[in-house]
Amino acid sequence: MGYSFYPYSVRFKKHIIPCSILQVLLCFLFSTTKIAAQERTYIEHAVASEAQMNRIDDENDKVYEWSFTHPDSALRVFKRIFNESQQLDYAFGMANAMILSANVYINVKREEPVDPAIPCLRIAEKYLERARKRNKSVVETWYNNMGAVYLKKNQTDSAMICLSKSLDLYLQSGHKKDGVLVMKYLNLETVFYVLQQFDKVIAYAKTAEKIALEHNLKGELYKTYTMLASVYTEINKPDSSLYYLALMDKIPYKPDESFSKLTLEIKGTAYLKKNMPEKAIPYFLQSIAINNYPAPNSWQGLGNAYKRLKKYKLSESYLLQAENYETNASQRSDYSVSVYNDLADLYDSTYQYKNAYKYRSKAALLQKELDDNSNVQTINALEARYRNAQKDKQLTDERLAFLSIQNKLKNRNLWIAVIIGCIVISVMIILVLYQKQKLWKQKSETLEQQQEIENLKTSILTEENERSRIGRQLHDDIMVQLALVKMNLEALPSQLPEIEEMEDFIAVKEMMDNAGRDLRLTAHNLAPDTLLADGLTQALLYFCKNIQYRTRLNVTFQHYGEAPALNQELSINIYRITQELIQNIIKHAAASNVLIQLNYRPDILTLTVEDDGKGFKTNDIANEGIGLKSIKSRLKVMKGEMEIHERHPKGTSVTIQVNL
């Protein structure tokens, strides 16, 4: 089981711990998830055989190794392993799979929120008591990872409890003092570092140093010296820091880029605290050259170094880079306060008092906000610890009470189980009968609705047929006769020239013309040939023109979208609804302007009719006294919807929507 972790870089202002460097620290703490291999002498009492358990353990170990490069695939495999272990009732397999899943969220996906790791660890917690019979390390590993989660969530009290418990369990297990123990000490040093209890950090680091030297643990010794160098720089003892940095250079160990960057920043900070900015600058520049990680520490360090050298333009450039990084960070910290104060000092030195005041104010406001948040977090932590203590006491009391009456309850529980079984069966029978009755009722209502719709369809079809018959009769018979009368009337002046100029004769001709025109419009409305020939859009356009010609209404027709091929029944129903709405406006609204919009969208047709009339009364709608009954019947057949709203300052808006 590889335990490793490391501290964050020192700041130029005392007690500043930036979030970006804290991630470097936490990534090592989080990698303590893999459970140490132990002798597997315990065989589960369930269906899992020793061979099956060994196979599951080996698969968990293999997936853990490549989870750092393929985290999402690893999560899926861990879930499968958990399910397989659950089928075999193999507690250690389930606990281990969940702990390793949590490791992915904690360690590999460390740029994302750590919250998904919590349910994984809570599931694993259920199996720890049985799992420890297979491998004792599972419990202390669980506590170590839970502590990592709490630390990343800035719940230092809970992190301290879990990490201390992990260390105690490890020491009780009788393991030799090896690298795992060193890293457990370093884990606790991290918490004390965050709490700024640097004397305890140094004490634990000295213990870890002694163990690492005794067992020649080069990597652990390198990390321990890095911690000591960081702490001594933090408490303003740069000579001690440089001493441990020199020891680190003598250790034959090659750190990764994050450690290399951290070491360079500590060196630069130590020289800066010794007021040797010329020596500090190269280390900060080397740190920036490592491009895989952000460099807010180095930017701020360079800003302060160049400020001391009175190279104010360079100082401002690097400090503004540090400020920009913090501005874009997801969480503001004391580091932001430090950068603001450094910028204020810089502008004060260059007599830019307006900018100096600006950044000094920002620093003061953010510091107050952080202090308030810190107080709230402290109160919440104390409250959480009190609630946990009360909960633990309650659970203990309940457990003792349960054990004292367990034997008495066995027979009673049996009878209760029988009674509950009978009740459950009875309830199930009632539910089945109720469900059948409900389905029958729904089916009956559906049939009634279908029958009603069919009746409405028949009624509408009959009405349309009658309209068409009347329209054809008007067009083919009466209009023909009217045309003959008009022809004879126009032929009279050839026989009686004197009547051509008579006012009565002219009036009769105009009446004949008006009658023919009105009769033609009526015949079209009853049987709209344009609707059948050219489609709904053209039919409504022709209808609007006729309405505007016959009345004083100013009718505007708009259509949007590409018109699909509509069936004749739908087109006629939309056309009739539009006619009915316009007739209501003419009869009741006293409007001057009407807007008709037809909107074709994929699978939906929307008709909107708006006027600027006197509006409507609620009881008119309730009593269906404005011709709404016919509209509702047609909408029911089409399974459409209608909404009616008052328009402000006056008028009415009606929207019809039908699925195509």
Foldseek 3Di string as FASTA:
>chain_A
DDQFFFAFFAFLDFLFGDPQRVLRRLLRLLVLQQFDDDDFPDDDPFQDDPVNVVVLSVVLVVLLVCCLPVVVVSLVVLVVQLVVCVVRVPLLSNLSSLSSNLSSLVRNVVVDQSVVNVVSLVRSVVSLVVNCSRPVRSQLSSLSNVLSNCVNVVLLVSSLVSLVVSLVSVVVVVDDLDNVNLSSLNSNLRSCSNVVVLVSNVVSLVVSCVSCVVVVPLVSNLRSLLSQLRSCLSVLNLVSNVVSLVVSVPGPDDDDLSVLLSSLLSNLSSCVSVVNLVVSLVSLVVSVVSPPGDRLSSLQSNLSSVVSVVVLVSNVVSLVVSLVVQVPDPDHTLVNLVSLQSQLVSCVVVVVNVSNVVSPVVSVVVVVVVVVVVVVSVVVSVVVVVVVVVVVVVVVVVVVVCVVCVVVCPVVVVVVVVVVVVVVVVVVVVVVVVVVVVVVVVVVVVVVLVVLLVVLVVVVVVQLVVLLVVLVCLVVPVLVVLVVVLVVLVCVCVVVVVCPPPPVSVVVNVVSVVVSVVSNVSSCLSPVPCCVVPHLLVSVVVVQVVVVVVDQAAEAEEEEDDDDDDDSLVSVLVSVLVVLVVVLCVVPFPFRYKYWYWYDDVQKIKIKIKTFGAADDPVCVVVVVSVCVSNVSSCSSQVKDKDKDADPPGIIMIMIMGGD
